[in-house]
Amino acid sequence: MPSESVIHVLTGCTAVGKTETALAWAEAHDAEIVSCDSLLFYRGMDIGTAKPTKAELARVPHHLIDICEPDQPMDIARYVELAHAAVADIIQRGRKVLVTGGSGFYLKAFFSPVVDNVTVPAEVRTKVAQLSVSEALAELQRLNPAGVGDLDVANPRRVSRALERCLASGKTVVQLQQEFAQQPAPFGDYTVKLVELTREPDELATRVLRRVEQMLSDRLVEEVRGLIPRGLKRNPSAAGAIGYREVIAMLDGDLPAENLREEIARNTRALVKKQRTWFRTQLPPHPAIPASAVSIGALFAD
C-alpha cells in the first residue's frame, strides 16, 4: 500500500455547506470525492437529497453516487466494500481521498467496526418479522437471562436485529457485542483525518428553510411522483428520507399541501439537532471549524 495512505473525511450537518467546501478542497489538493451520504446512492433522487449538480460533479471525480435504483436498498456491508475499493483505487493512482457526507452510521465505518460476522438465514428473518414488538423483546430476554448489555430495548428495530443474531449464532447479545468490539476497523490500515464543518443554530435554520424552498421550487413533488413508479415506496430507507416521506404523505392525502414546506423544514431541523449530537458523541475527537472561517489550504492541517 502506498505510504500516503490517508483518508480525509469532511462531515457536518445538513445544509452546513459541505458540498462547496469539499469541491474547493478536492480541486486544490488533487483529490477525488467518495460520498458518505446514505441517499446519494440512488439514481433519480436528486432534488430532495441536494445531490451535487452535473456541473459540480464535473469539477471533481466522485464515487458512490447514483449506483442504485430507488427500489434497491443499500446496506452498510455493501457500502464498506464499495468504499474500500474506491479508496484503494484513488490512492493507487496517486491522488488524495476526500470522504464527505453527514450520514452517521456510514461515517462511523471509517473509524470503527460497523458490521458483525453473523449471517442471518432468511427463515430466521421471517420468523422474527412475524413477532410483535413485545413478543420479540420477550424472546430476546429469554435467550439472554443475564441481560442484554447496553442494547436499546426501546428501539424495536434493534431488538429485532439482536434477536435475529442471537437465533442465528446461538450466542448472547453480550457475547456478540464483545466479539464485535474486537473486530478490526474496516479502514484500520489507513490514517483517517476528520474535520467537521459547523454553523450557529440560527444560521443553520435559515439555510435549511432556504434549501427546502429551493427544492420545492425545483419541482421536488414532481421528482417524487416520477420515483414512485420506479419502486421508491418499496425501499423504506429511501421513502422514509426527509423530503421524500413528506411529499409521499401529501400525495397519499395524509398531509395538506399547504403544510408541506414547514413539515419538511421542521423535520430537517430535528435531523440537524440529532446530527450535531451524534457527531459529538459517536465520532472520535476532531476539529470543528465554522464554515464561515474555513481555510481550504489548512482544512486538514496537522
C-alpha atoms as a PDB file:
ATOM      1  CA  MET A   1       0.000   0.000   0.000  1.00  0.00           C
ATOM      2  CA  PRO A   2       1.400   3.471  -0.826  1.00  0.00           C
ATOM      3  CA  SER A   3       2.948   5.388   2.059  1.00  0.00           C
ATOM      4  CA  GLU A   4       0.446   8.228   1.645  1.00  0.00           C
ATOM      5  CA  SER A   5      -2.495   6.091   2.740  1.00  0.00           C
ATOM      6  CA  VAL A   6      -4.561   8.910   4.182  1.00  0.00           C
ATOM      7  CA  ILE A   7      -8.338   9.316   4.083  1.00  0.00           C
ATOM      8  CA  HIS A   8      -9.595  12.858   4.626  1.00  0.00           C
ATOM      9  CA  VAL A   9     -13.159  12.972   5.981  1.00  0.00           C
ATOM     10  CA  LEU A  10     -15.266  16.126   5.875  1.00  0.00           C
ATOM     11  CA  THR A  11     -18.586  15.987   7.689  1.00  0.00           C
ATOM     12  CA  GLY A  12     -21.179  18.347   9.110  1.00  0.00           C
ATOM     13  CA  CYS A  13     -24.906  18.803   9.484  1.00  0.00           C
ATOM     14  CA  THR A  14     -27.365  19.003   6.629  1.00  0.00           C
ATOM     15  CA  ALA A  15     -27.179  22.424   4.906  1.00  0.00           C
ATOM     16  CA  VAL A  16     -23.891  23.382   6.566  1.00  0.00           C
ATOM     17  CA  GLY A  17     -22.125  23.797   3.221  1.00  0.00           C
ATOM     18  CA  LYS A  18     -20.142  20.580   2.790  1.00  0.00           C
ATOM     19  CA  THR A  19     -20.519  20.336  -0.991  1.00  0.00           C
ATOM     20  CA  GLU A  20     -18.764  23.566  -1.955  1.00  0.00           C
ATOM     21  CA  THR A  21     -16.064  23.164   0.685  1.00  0.00           C
ATOM     22  CA  ALA A  22     -15.393  19.601  -0.469  1.00  0.00           C
ATOM     23  CA  LEU A  23     -15.181  20.637  -4.110  1.00  0.00           C
ATOM     24  CA  ALA A  24     -12.812  23.502  -3.352  1.00  0.00           C
ATOM     25  CA  TRP A  25     -10.533  21.316  -1.214  1.00  0.00           C
ATOM     26  CA  ALA A  26     -10.517  18.488  -3.746  1.00  0.00           C
ATOM     27  CA  GLU A  27      -9.661  20.841  -6.596  1.00  0.00           C
ATOM     28  CA  ALA A  28      -6.837  22.410  -4.578  1.00  0.00           C
ATOM     29  CA  HIS A  29      -5.336  19.086  -3.478  1.00  0.00           C
ATOM     30  CA  ASP A  30      -5.718  16.795  -6.499  1.00  0.00           C
ATOM     31  CA  ALA A  31      -8.323  14.715  -4.678  1.00  0.00           C
ATOM     32  CA  GLU A  32     -11.336  12.623  -5.598  1.00  0.00           C
ATOM     33  CA  ILE A  33     -14.526  12.554  -3.537  1.00  0.00           C
ATOM     34  CA  VAL A  34     -16.082   9.436  -2.027  1.00  0.00           C
ATOM     35  CA  SER A  35     -19.669  10.072  -0.966  1.00  0.00           C
ATOM     36  CA  CYS A  36     -20.746   9.160   2.544  1.00  0.00           C
ATOM     37  CA  ASP A  37     -24.363  10.195   2.137  1.00  0.00           C
ATOM     38  CA  SER A  38     -26.925   7.421   2.508  1.00  0.00           C
ATOM     39  CA  LEU A  39     -29.253   8.923  -0.124  1.00  0.00           C
ATOM     40  CA  LEU A  40     -26.861   9.935  -2.893  1.00  0.00           C
ATOM     41  CA  PHE A  41     -26.589   6.257  -3.835  1.00  0.00           C
ATOM     42  CA  TYR A  42     -29.995   6.392  -5.531  1.00  0.00           C
ATOM     43  CA  ARG A  43     -30.456   7.351  -9.154  1.00  0.00           C
ATOM     44  CA  GLY A  44     -33.211   9.892  -9.673  1.00  0.00           C
ATOM     45  CA  MET A  45     -33.198  11.104  -6.074  1.00  0.00           C
ATOM     46  CA  ASP A  46     -31.572  14.405  -6.925  1.00  0.00           C
ATOM     47  CA  ILE A  47     -33.601  17.350  -5.684  1.00  0.00           C
ATOM     48  CA  GLY A  48     -34.612  16.071  -2.266  1.00  0.00           C
ATOM     49  CA  THR A  49     -31.068  14.948  -1.480  1.00  0.00           C
ATOM     50  CA  ALA A  50     -29.386  18.178  -2.648  1.00  0.00           C
ATOM     51  CA  LYS A  51     -27.216  15.944  -4.812  1.00  0.00           C
ATOM     52  CA  PRO A  52     -24.288  17.766  -6.442  1.00  0.00           C
ATOM     53  CA  THR A  53     -25.299  19.131  -9.822  1.00  0.00           C
ATOM     54  CA  LYS A  54     -23.873  17.860 -13.090  1.00  0.00           C
ATOM     55  CA  ALA A  55     -21.606  20.894 -13.183  1.00  0.00           C
ATOM     56  CA  GLU A  56     -20.360  20.190  -9.652  1.00  0.00           C
ATOM     57  CA  LEU A  57     -19.825  16.512 -10.405  1.00  0.00           C
ATOM     58  CA  ALA A  58     -17.799  17.514 -13.456  1.00  0.00           C
ATOM     59  CA  ARG A  59     -15.392  19.595 -11.371  1.00  0.00           C
ATOM     60  CA  VAL A  60     -14.034  16.628  -9.387  1.00  0.00           C
ATOM     61  CA  PRO A  61     -14.339  12.848  -9.849  1.00  0.00           C
ATOM     62  CA  HIS A  62     -16.991  11.458  -7.468  1.00  0.00           C
ATOM     63  CA  HIS A  63     -17.565   7.903  -6.266  1.00  0.00           C
ATOM     64  CA  LEU A  64     -20.611   6.065  -4.842  1.00  0.00           C
ATOM     65  CA  ILE A  65     -23.186   8.438  -6.292  1.00  0.00           C
ATOM     66  CA  ASP A  66     -26.031   7.105  -8.490  1.00  0.00           C
ATOM     67  CA  ILE A  67     -25.116   3.451  -8.013  1.00  0.00           C
ATOM     68  CA  CYS A  68     -28.580   2.058  -7.111  1.00  0.00           C
ATOM     69  CA  GLU A  69     -32.123   2.254  -8.350  1.00  0.00           C
ATOM     70  CA  PRO A  70     -34.540   3.741  -5.795  1.00  0.00           C
ATOM     71  CA  ASP A  71     -36.063   0.329  -5.038  1.00  0.00           C
ATOM     72  CA  GLN A  72     -32.668  -1.271  -4.260  1.00  0.00           C
ATOM     73  CA  PRO A  73     -31.736  -0.900  -0.581  1.00  0.00           C
ATOM     74  CA  MET A  74     -28.132  -0.166   0.324  1.00  0.00           C
ATOM     75  CA  ASP A  75     -26.629  -1.637   3.482  1.00  0.00           C
ATOM     76  CA  ILE A  76     -23.527  -0.827   5.476  1.00  0.00           C
ATOM     77  CA  ALA A  77     -21.700  -4.018   4.495  1.00  0.00           C
ATOM     78  CA  ARG A  78     -22.016  -3.224   0.800  1.00  0.00           C
ATOM     79  CA  TYR A  79     -21.064   0.401   1.417  1.00  0.00           C
ATOM     80  CA  VAL A  80     -17.869  -0.620   3.210  1.00  0.00           C
ATOM     81  CA  GLU A  81     -16.952  -2.959   0.360  1.00  0.00           C
ATOM     82  CA  LEU A  82     -17.535  -0.310  -2.307  1.00  0.00           C
ATOM     83  CA  ALA A  83     -15.880   2.486  -0.340  1.00  0.00           C
ATOM     84  CA  HIS A  84     -12.848   0.324   0.373  1.00  0.00           C
ATOM     85  CA  ALA A  85     -12.441  -0.405  -3.335  1.00  0.00           C
ATOM     86  CA  ALA A  86     -12.862   3.269  -4.275  1.00  0.00           C
ATOM     87  CA  VAL A  87     -10.346   4.464  -1.682  1.00  0.00           C
ATOM     88  CA  ALA A  88      -7.741   1.882  -2.702  1.00  0.00           C
ATOM     89  CA  ASP A  89      -8.156   2.757  -6.382  1.00  0.00           C
ATOM     90  CA  ILE A  90      -7.825   6.510  -5.806  1.00  0.00           C
ATOM     91  CA  ILE A  91      -4.693   6.143  -3.681  1.00  0.00           C
ATOM     92  CA  GLN A  92      -3.165   3.640  -6.095  1.00  0.00           C
ATOM     93  CA  ARG A  93      -3.486   6.258  -8.832  1.00  0.00           C
ATOM     94  CA  GLY A  94      -1.592   8.761  -6.708  1.00  0.00           C
ATOM     95  CA  ARG A  95      -4.494  11.037  -5.844  1.00  0.00           C
ATOM     96  CA  LYS A  96      -5.856  12.103  -2.459  1.00  0.00           C
ATOM     97  CA  VAL A  97      -9.124  10.820  -0.979  1.00  0.00           C
ATOM     98  CA  LEU A  98     -11.823  13.067   0.424  1.00  0.00           C
ATOM     99  CA  VAL A  99     -14.823  11.361   2.014  1.00  0.00           C
ATOM    100  CA  THR A 100     -17.722  13.713   2.533  1.00  0.00           C
ATOM    101  CA  GLY A 101     -21.237  13.345   3.907  1.00  0.00           C
ATOM    102  CA  GLY A 102     -23.294  13.505   7.046  1.00  0.00           C
ATOM    103  CA  SER A 103     -24.767  10.010   7.342  1.00  0.00           C
ATOM    104  CA  GLY A 104     -23.636   8.909  10.784  1.00  0.00           C
ATOM    105  CA  PHE A 105     -23.559   5.129  10.525  1.00  0.00           C
ATOM    106  CA  TYR A 106     -21.704   5.236   7.209  1.00  0.00           C
ATOM    107  CA  LEU A 107     -19.242   7.785   8.605  1.00  0.00           C
ATOM    108  CA  LYS A 108     -18.568   5.538  11.574  1.00  0.00           C
ATOM    109  CA  ALA A 109     -17.275   2.856   9.219  1.00  0.00           C
ATOM    110  CA  PHE A 110     -14.100   4.903   8.728  1.00  0.00           C
ATOM    111  CA  PHE A 111     -13.286   4.784  12.441  1.00  0.00           C
ATOM    112  CA  SER A 112     -14.628   1.585  13.987  1.00  0.00           C
ATOM    113  CA  PRO A 113     -16.249  -1.780  13.211  1.00  0.00           C
ATOM    114  CA  VAL A 114     -19.799  -1.484  11.885  1.00  0.00           C
ATOM    115  CA  VAL A 115     -20.591  -4.972  10.570  1.00  0.00           C
ATOM    116  CA  ASP A 116     -20.511  -8.200  12.535  1.00  0.00           C
ATOM    117  CA  ASN A 117     -19.716 -11.629  11.113  1.00  0.00           C
ATOM    118  CA  VAL A 118     -23.122 -13.185  11.784  1.00  0.00           C
ATOM    119  CA  THR A 119     -25.029 -14.459   8.766  1.00  0.00           C
ATOM    120  CA  VAL A 120     -28.780 -14.421   9.390  1.00  0.00           C
ATOM    121  CA  PRO A 121     -30.694 -17.002   7.314  1.00  0.00           C
ATOM    122  CA  ALA A 122     -33.828 -15.835   5.532  1.00  0.00           C
ATOM    123  CA  GLU A 123     -36.007 -18.173   7.592  1.00  0.00           C
ATOM    124  CA  VAL A 124     -34.774 -16.558  10.808  1.00  0.00           C
ATOM    125  CA  ARG A 125     -35.553 -13.068   9.492  1.00  0.00           C
ATOM    126  CA  THR A 126     -39.016 -14.265   8.505  1.00  0.00           C
ATOM    127  CA  LYS A 127     -39.625 -15.813  11.915  1.00  0.00           C
ATOM    128  CA  VAL A 128     -38.609 -12.633  13.750  1.00  0.00           C
ATOM    129  CA  ALA A 129     -40.596 -10.406  11.401  1.00  0.00           C
ATOM    130  CA  GLN A 130     -43.753 -12.303  12.338  1.00  0.00           C
ATOM    131  CA  LEU A 131     -43.357 -11.444  16.032  1.00  0.00           C
ATOM    132  CA  SER A 132     -44.931  -8.422  17.663  1.00  0.00           C
ATOM    133  CA  VAL A 133     -42.634  -5.918  19.378  1.00  0.00           C
ATOM    134  CA  SER A 134     -43.458  -7.343  22.809  1.00  0.00           C
ATOM    135  CA  GLU A 135     -43.024 -10.936  21.630  1.00  0.00           C
ATOM    136  CA  ALA A 136     -39.629 -10.170  20.103  1.00  0.00           C
ATOM    137  CA  LEU A 137     -38.449  -8.498  23.301  1.00  0.00           C
ATOM    138  CA  ALA A 138     -39.718 -11.376  25.452  1.00  0.00           C
ATOM    139  CA  GLU A 139     -37.916 -13.934  23.275  1.00  0.00           C
ATOM    140  CA  LEU A 140     -34.725 -11.861  23.347  1.00  0.00           C
ATOM    141  CA  GLN A 141     -34.865 -11.670  27.140  1.00  0.00           C
ATOM    142  CA  ARG A 142     -35.465 -15.432  27.343  1.00  0.00           C
ATOM    143  CA  LEU A 143     -32.312 -16.039  25.314  1.00  0.00           C
ATOM    144  CA  ASN A 144     -30.367 -13.541  27.429  1.00  0.00           C
ATOM    145  CA  PRO A 145     -31.185 -14.306  31.076  1.00  0.00           C
ATOM    146  CA  ALA A 146     -28.115 -12.353  32.236  1.00  0.00           C
ATOM    147  CA  GLY A 147     -29.215  -9.224  30.390  1.00  0.00           C
ATOM    148  CA  VAL A 148     -28.645  -7.594  27.018  1.00  0.00           C
ATOM    149  CA  GLY A 149     -25.847  -5.176  27.864  1.00  0.00           C
ATOM    150  CA  ASP A 150     -26.369  -1.656  26.549  1.00  0.00           C
ATOM    151  CA  LEU A 151     -28.825  -2.659  23.814  1.00  0.00           C
ATOM    152  CA  ASP A 152     -31.576  -0.066  23.390  1.00  0.00           C
ATOM    153  CA  VAL A 153     -34.604  -2.262  24.117  1.00  0.00           C
ATOM    154  CA  ALA A 154     -36.934   0.679  23.444  1.00  0.00           C
ATOM    155  CA  ASN A 155     -35.898   0.543  19.786  1.00  0.00           C
ATOM    156  CA  PRO A 156     -37.956  -2.210  18.066  1.00  0.00           C
ATOM    157  CA  ARG A 157     -35.604  -2.428  15.107  1.00  0.00           C
ATOM    158  CA  ARG A 158     -32.567  -3.002  17.303  1.00  0.00           C
ATOM    159  CA  VAL A 159     -34.444  -5.595  19.329  1.00  0.00           C
ATOM    160  CA  SER A 160     -35.364  -7.446  16.141  1.00  0.00           C
ATOM    161  CA  ARG A 161     -31.813  -7.319  14.759  1.00  0.00           C
ATOM    162  CA  ALA A 162     -30.395  -8.532  18.078  1.00  0.00           C
ATOM    163  CA  LEU A 163     -32.881 -11.381  18.234  1.00  0.00           C
ATOM    164  CA  GLU A 164     -32.042 -12.435  14.690  1.00  0.00           C
ATOM    165  CA  ARG A 165     -28.354 -12.583  15.535  1.00  0.00           C
ATOM    166  CA  CYS A 166     -28.891 -14.480  18.761  1.00  0.00           C
ATOM    167  CA  LEU A 167     -31.023 -17.062  16.978  1.00  0.00           C
ATOM    168  CA  ALA A 168     -28.617 -17.359  14.051  1.00  0.00           C
ATOM    169  CA  SER A 169     -25.440 -17.610  16.138  1.00  0.00           C
ATOM    170  CA  GLY A 170     -26.597 -19.319  19.321  1.00  0.00           C
ATOM    171  CA  LYS A 171     -24.783 -16.604  21.283  1.00  0.00           C
ATOM    172  CA  THR A 172     -25.993 -13.962  23.726  1.00  0.00           C
ATOM    173  CA  VAL A 173     -26.161 -10.254  22.983  1.00  0.00           C
ATOM    174  CA  VAL A 174     -23.254  -9.600  25.343  1.00  0.00           C
ATOM    175  CA  GLN A 175     -21.110 -12.259  23.648  1.00  0.00           C
ATOM    176  CA  LEU A 176     -21.902 -10.775  20.243  1.00  0.00           C
ATOM    177  CA  GLN A 177     -21.129  -7.262  21.474  1.00  0.00           C
ATOM    178  CA  GLN A 178     -17.768  -8.389  22.861  1.00  0.00           C
ATOM    179  CA  GLU A 179     -16.818 -10.153  19.639  1.00  0.00           C
ATOM    180  CA  PHE A 180     -17.930  -7.136  17.604  1.00  0.00           C
ATOM    181  CA  ALA A 181     -15.798  -4.750  19.657  1.00  0.00           C
ATOM    182  CA  GLN A 182     -12.724  -6.903  18.986  1.00  0.00           C
ATOM    183  CA  GLN A 183     -13.071  -6.739  15.202  1.00  0.00           C
ATOM    184  CA  PRO A 184     -10.641  -4.553  13.267  1.00  0.00           C
ATOM    185  CA  ALA A 185     -11.990  -1.298  11.846  1.00  0.00           C
ATOM    186  CA  PRO A 186     -12.698  -1.585   8.095  1.00  0.00           C
ATOM    187  CA  PHE A 187     -10.246   1.217   7.319  1.00  0.00           C
ATOM    188  CA  GLY A 188      -7.768   0.461  10.095  1.00  0.00           C
ATOM    189  CA  ASP A 189      -4.892   0.262   7.592  1.00  0.00           C
ATOM    190  CA  TYR A 190      -5.345   3.942   6.744  1.00  0.00           C
ATOM    191  CA  THR A 191      -4.692   7.192   8.574  1.00  0.00           C
ATOM    192  CA  VAL A 192      -8.068   8.918   8.804  1.00  0.00           C
ATOM    193  CA  LYS A 193      -8.224  12.694   9.309  1.00  0.00           C
ATOM    194  CA  LEU A 194     -11.631  14.066  10.296  1.00  0.00           C
ATOM    195  CA  VAL A 195     -12.950  17.640  10.198  1.00  0.00           C
ATOM    196  CA  GLU A 196     -16.486  18.827  10.960  1.00  0.00           C
ATOM    197  CA  LEU A 197     -17.957  21.982   9.443  1.00  0.00           C
ATOM    198  CA  THR A 198     -20.233  23.928  11.782  1.00  0.00           C
ATOM    199  CA  ARG A 199     -22.613  26.878  11.772  1.00  0.00           C
ATOM    200  CA  GLU A 200     -24.623  28.568  14.501  1.00  0.00           C
ATOM    201  CA  PRO A 201     -28.104  27.040  15.022  1.00  0.00           C
ATOM    202  CA  ASP A 202     -29.972  30.133  13.840  1.00  0.00           C
ATOM    203  CA  GLU A 203     -27.892  30.331  10.674  1.00  0.00           C
ATOM    204  CA  LEU A 204     -28.436  26.622  10.001  1.00  0.00           C
ATOM    205  CA  ALA A 205     -32.201  27.026  10.470  1.00  0.00           C
ATOM    206  CA  THR A 206     -32.208  29.830   7.906  1.00  0.00           C
ATOM    207  CA  ARG A 207     -30.194  27.768   5.454  1.00  0.00           C
ATOM    208  CA  VAL A 208     -32.498  24.776   5.982  1.00  0.00           C
ATOM    209  CA  LEU A 209     -35.586  26.819   5.126  1.00  0.00           C
ATOM    210  CA  ARG A 210     -33.864  28.290   2.084  1.00  0.00           C
ATOM    211  CA  ARG A 211     -32.904  24.799   0.936  1.00  0.00           C
ATOM    212  CA  VAL A 212     -36.454  23.480   1.359  1.00  0.00           C
ATOM    213  CA  GLU A 213     -37.861  26.405  -0.612  1.00  0.00           C
ATOM    214  CA  GLN A 214     -35.322  25.785  -3.378  1.00  0.00           C
ATOM    215  CA  MET A 215     -36.186  22.082  -3.507  1.00  0.00           C
ATOM    216  CA  LEU A 216     -39.877  22.787  -3.862  1.00  0.00           C
ATOM    217  CA  SER A 217     -39.142  25.424  -6.489  1.00  0.00           C
ATOM    218  CA  ASP A 218     -37.011  22.867  -8.341  1.00  0.00           C
ATOM    219  CA  ARG A 219     -40.058  20.553  -8.518  1.00  0.00           C
ATOM    220  CA  LEU A 220     -39.403  18.101  -5.697  1.00  0.00           C
ATOM    221  CA  VAL A 221     -43.041  16.979  -5.811  1.00  0.00           C
ATOM    222  CA  GLU A 222     -42.705  16.070  -9.464  1.00  0.00           C
ATOM    223  CA  GLU A 223     -39.468  14.211  -8.742  1.00  0.00           C
ATOM    224  CA  VAL A 224     -41.214  12.076  -6.127  1.00  0.00           C
ATOM    225  CA  ARG A 225     -44.163  11.405  -8.462  1.00  0.00           C
ATOM    226  CA  GLY A 226     -41.696  10.080 -11.014  1.00  0.00           C
ATOM    227  CA  LEU A 227     -39.858   7.915  -8.480  1.00  0.00           C
ATOM    228  CA  ILE A 228     -42.911   6.131  -7.092  1.00  0.00           C
ATOM    229  CA  PRO A 229     -43.440   4.012 -10.245  1.00  0.00           C
ATOM    230  CA  ARG A 230     -39.728   3.127 -10.039  1.00  0.00           C
ATOM    231  CA  GLY A 231     -40.258   1.483  -6.661  1.00  0.00           C
ATOM    232  CA  LEU A 232     -39.452   4.285  -4.222  1.00  0.00           C
ATOM    233  CA  LYS A 233     -42.035   3.070  -1.707  1.00  0.00           C
ATOM    234  CA  ARG A 234     -40.552  -0.425  -1.714  1.00  0.00           C
ATOM    235  CA  ASN A 235     -37.326   0.923  -0.208  1.00  0.00           C
ATOM    236  CA  PRO A 236     -38.001   2.076   3.370  1.00  0.00           C
ATOM    237  CA  SER A 237     -34.676   3.910   3.637  1.00  0.00           C
ATOM    238  CA  ALA A 238     -35.343   5.979   0.526  1.00  0.00           C
ATOM    239  CA  ALA A 239     -39.076   6.504   1.038  1.00  0.00           C
ATOM    240  CA  GLY A 240     -38.517   7.475   4.667  1.00  0.00           C
ATOM    241  CA  ALA A 241     -35.927  10.138   3.884  1.00  0.00           C
ATOM    242  CA  ILE A 242     -36.803  13.699   4.818  1.00  0.00           C
ATOM    243  CA  GLY A 243     -38.317  15.487   1.853  1.00  0.00           C
ATOM    244  CA  TYR A 244     -39.485  12.270   0.254  1.00  0.00           C
ATOM    245  CA  ARG A 245     -41.626  10.968   3.095  1.00  0.00           C
ATOM    246  CA  GLU A 246     -43.448  14.300   3.444  1.00  0.00           C
ATOM    247  CA  VAL A 247     -44.177  14.513  -0.276  1.00  0.00           C
ATOM    248  CA  ILE A 248     -45.371  10.897  -0.252  1.00  0.00           C
ATOM    249  CA  ALA A 249     -47.659  11.726   2.681  1.00  0.00           C
ATOM    250  CA  MET A 250     -49.043  14.702   0.753  1.00  0.00           C
ATOM    251  CA  LEU A 251     -49.601  12.659  -2.414  1.00  0.00           C
ATOM    252  CA  ASP A 252     -51.339   9.983  -0.320  1.00  0.00           C
ATOM    253  CA  GLY A 253     -53.639  12.594   1.187  1.00  0.00           C
ATOM    254  CA  ASP A 254     -52.124  12.378   4.666  1.00  0.00           C
ATOM    255  CA  LEU A 255     -50.537  15.847   4.686  1.00  0.00           C
ATOM    256  CA  PRO A 256     -52.172  19.071   3.486  1.00  0.00           C
ATOM    257  CA  ALA A 257     -50.242  20.624   0.617  1.00  0.00           C
ATOM    258  CA  GLU A 258     -50.061  23.961   2.424  1.00  0.00           C
ATOM    259  CA  ASN A 259     -48.166  22.288   5.282  1.00  0.00           C
ATOM    260  CA  LEU A 260     -45.551  20.594   3.094  1.00  0.00           C
ATOM    261  CA  ARG A 261     -42.837  23.253   3.268  1.00  0.00           C
ATOM    262  CA  GLU A 262     -42.929  23.653   7.039  1.00  0.00           C
ATOM    263  CA  GLU A 263     -43.161  19.898   7.653  1.00  0.00           C
ATOM    264  CA  ILE A 264     -40.003  19.262   5.631  1.00  0.00           C
ATOM    265  CA  ALA A 265     -38.232  22.175   7.307  1.00  0.00           C
ATOM    266  CA  ARG A 266     -39.302  21.060  10.786  1.00  0.00           C
ATOM    267  CA  ASN A 267     -38.109  17.515  10.232  1.00  0.00           C
ATOM    268  CA  THR A 268     -34.838  18.741   8.745  1.00  0.00           C
ATOM    269  CA  ARG A 269     -34.196  20.953  11.774  1.00  0.00           C
ATOM    270  CA  ALA A 270     -34.814  17.940  14.008  1.00  0.00           C
ATOM    271  CA  LEU A 271     -32.331  15.934  11.915  1.00  0.00           C
ATOM    272  CA  VAL A 272     -29.732  18.687  12.246  1.00  0.00           C
ATOM    273  CA  LYS A 273     -30.095  18.647  16.019  1.00  0.00           C
ATOM    274  CA  LYS A 274     -29.688  14.859  16.043  1.00  0.00           C
ATOM    275  CA  GLN A 275     -26.645  15.062  13.767  1.00  0.00           C
ATOM    276  CA  ARG A 276     -24.910  17.599  15.984  1.00  0.00           C
ATOM    277  CA  THR A 277     -25.311  15.298  18.981  1.00  0.00           C
ATOM    278  CA  TRP A 278     -24.223  12.242  17.010  1.00  0.00           C
ATOM    279  CA  PHE A 279     -21.056  13.868  15.690  1.00  0.00           C
ATOM    280  CA  ARG A 280     -20.154  14.956  19.212  1.00  0.00           C
ATOM    281  CA  THR A 281     -20.786  11.609  20.916  1.00  0.00           C
ATOM    282  CA  GLN A 282     -20.169   8.919  18.297  1.00  0.00           C
ATOM    283  CA  LEU A 283     -17.171  10.134  16.305  1.00  0.00           C
ATOM    284  CA  PRO A 284     -13.601  10.360  17.593  1.00  0.00           C
ATOM    285  CA  PRO A 285     -12.364  13.762  18.827  1.00  0.00           C
ATOM    286  CA  HIS A 286     -11.951  16.089  15.864  1.00  0.00           C
ATOM    287  CA  PRO A 287     -11.677  19.751  14.860  1.00  0.00           C
ATOM    288  CA  ALA A 288     -14.978  21.593  14.418  1.00  0.00           C
ATOM    289  CA  ILE A 289     -14.457  24.535  12.085  1.00  0.00           C
ATOM    290  CA  PRO A 290     -17.015  27.311  11.427  1.00  0.00           C
ATOM    291  CA  ALA A 291     -17.918  27.169   7.739  1.00  0.00           C
ATOM    292  CA  SER A 292     -17.528  30.931   7.511  1.00  0.00           C
ATOM    293  CA  ALA A 293     -13.886  30.686   8.645  1.00  0.00           C
ATOM    294  CA  VAL A 294     -12.714  27.735   6.569  1.00  0.00           C
ATOM    295  CA  SER A 295      -9.241  27.948   5.073  1.00  0.00           C
ATOM    296  CA  ILE A 296      -9.122  25.454   2.229  1.00  0.00           C
ATOM    297  CA  GLY A 297      -5.354  25.248   2.437  1.00  0.00           C
ATOM    298  CA  ALA A 298      -5.338  24.463   6.148  1.00  0.00           C
ATOM    299  CA  LEU A 299      -8.562  22.445   6.425  1.00  0.00           C
ATOM    300  CA  PHE A 300      -6.800  19.203   7.337  1.00  0.00           C
ATOM    301  CA  ALA A 301      -3.667  20.746   8.818  1.00  0.00           C
ATOM    302  CA  ASP A 302      -1.839  18.556  11.335  1.00  0.00           C
END
